[in-house]
Amino acid sequence: MANIKSQIKRNRQAIKRTERNKAVRSELKTRTKNAEAAAAEGAENAEALARAAQKRIDTAAAKGVIHKNAAARRKSRLAKRLAKGAAEG
């Protein structure tokens, strides 16, 4: 355990940020999974779900939860899967 006051505060801040980032990452995965599943089965709300997932990915990148290149990669893969689902269905 840290003895320095500033380090104790830093540890508290790190715990808060970790929990917040974990929640954001979890939501990203859930929304992406839902959008991919909808695209695979050809649901009519697949595009709306994909748009919501992309918005969350952009927000996470802007807040620094994920890297901007990682966000671009995830959005690209999601769009590719959505297009593949639309072509099949």
Protein backbone atom coordinates (compact mmCIF):
# COMPACT_ATOMS: atom_id res chain seq x y z
CA MET A 1 0.00 0.00 0.00
CA ALA A 2 1.27 3.45 -0.90
CA ASN A 3 2.22 5.89 1.86
CA ILE A 4 2.27 8.98 -0.34
CA LYS A 5 -0.97 10.92 -0.41
CA SER A 6 -0.87 11.69 -4.13
CA GLN A 7 -0.23 8.03 -4.96
CA ILE A 8 -3.19 6.92 -2.84
CA LYS A 9 -5.40 9.30 -4.84
CA ARG A 10 -3.86 8.07 -8.12
CA ASN A 11 -4.71 4.49 -7.14
CA ARG A 12 -8.33 5.48 -6.45
CA GLN A 13 -8.54 7.24 -9.83
CA ALA A 14 -7.04 4.24 -11.62
CA ILE A 15 -9.64 1.92 -10.10
CA LYS A 16 -12.48 4.23 -11.19
CA ARG A 17 -11.11 4.51 -14.72
CA THR A 18 -10.55 0.78 -14.99
CA GLU A 19 -14.16 0.05 -14.04
CA ARG A 20 -15.50 2.68 -16.43
CA ASN A 21 -13.33 1.46 -19.31
CA LYS A 22 -14.32 -2.14 -18.62
CA ALA A 23 -18.00 -1.21 -18.83
CA VAL A 24 -17.47 0.67 -22.10
CA ARG A 25 -15.51 -2.22 -23.65
CA SER A 26 -18.19 -4.68 -22.57
CA GLU A 27 -20.90 -2.53 -24.16
CA LEU A 28 -18.85 -2.29 -27.37
CA LYS A 29 -18.58 -6.06 -27.59
CA THR A 30 -22.29 -6.54 -26.89
CA ARG A 31 -23.43 -4.00 -29.48
CA THR A 32 -21.01 -5.36 -32.09
CA LYS A 33 -22.17 -8.92 -31.44
CA ASN A 34 -25.84 -7.91 -31.73
CA ALA A 35 -25.20 -6.04 -34.99
CA GLU A 36 -23.25 -8.98 -36.48
CA ALA A 37 -25.95 -11.47 -35.46
CA ALA A 38 -28.67 -9.29 -37.00
CA ALA A 39 -26.64 -8.93 -40.21
CA ALA A 40 -26.07 -12.69 -40.41
CA GLU A 41 -29.76 -13.50 -40.12
CA GLY A 42 -30.79 -10.64 -42.40
CA ALA A 43 -32.88 -8.69 -39.88
CA GLU A 44 -34.30 -5.37 -41.04
CA ASN A 45 -32.87 -3.54 -38.00
CA ALA A 46 -29.30 -4.72 -38.74
CA GLU A 47 -28.32 -1.36 -40.19
CA ALA A 48 -29.62 0.54 -37.15
CA LEU A 49 -27.79 -1.81 -34.79
CA ALA A 50 -24.58 -1.41 -36.80
CA ARG A 51 -24.95 2.37 -36.73
CA ALA A 52 -25.37 2.29 -32.93
CA ALA A 53 -22.31 0.05 -32.58
CA GLN A 54 -20.22 2.35 -34.79
CA LYS A 55 -21.31 5.36 -32.75
CA ARG A 56 -20.19 3.66 -29.53
CA ILE A 57 -16.88 2.68 -31.13
CA ASP A 58 -16.27 6.30 -32.17
CA THR A 59 -17.15 7.56 -28.69
CA ALA A 60 -14.81 5.05 -27.03
CA ALA A 61 -11.98 6.12 -29.34
CA ALA A 62 -12.64 9.80 -28.64
CA LYS A 63 -12.56 9.18 -24.88
CA GLY A 64 -9.35 7.18 -25.16
CA VAL A 65 -10.82 3.84 -24.08
CA ILE A 66 -9.60 2.21 -27.29
CA HIS A 67 -7.00 3.43 -29.79
CA LYS A 68 -8.28 5.30 -32.86
CA ASN A 69 -6.74 2.71 -35.22
CA ALA A 70 -8.40 -0.09 -33.26
CA ALA A 71 -11.70 1.77 -33.61
CA ALA A 72 -11.20 2.13 -37.36
CA ARG A 73 -10.38 -1.57 -37.64
CA ARG A 74 -13.47 -2.62 -35.67
CA LYS A 75 -15.73 -0.35 -37.72
CA SER A 76 -14.25 -1.66 -40.96
CA ARG A 77 -14.78 -5.29 -39.96
CA LEU A 78 -18.32 -4.56 -38.81
CA ALA A 79 -19.16 -2.83 -42.10
CA LYS A 80 -17.66 -5.72 -44.05
CA ARG A 81 -19.76 -8.27 -42.15
CA LEU A 82 -22.87 -6.12 -42.58
CA ALA A 83 -22.29 -5.92 -46.35
CA LYS A 84 -21.70 -9.68 -46.51
CA GLY A 85 -24.95 -10.31 -44.62
CA ALA A 86 -26.86 -7.95 -46.92
CA ALA A 87 -25.46 -9.66 -50.02
CA GLU A 88 -26.44 -13.13 -48.78
CA GLY A 89 -29.89 -12.15 -47.50
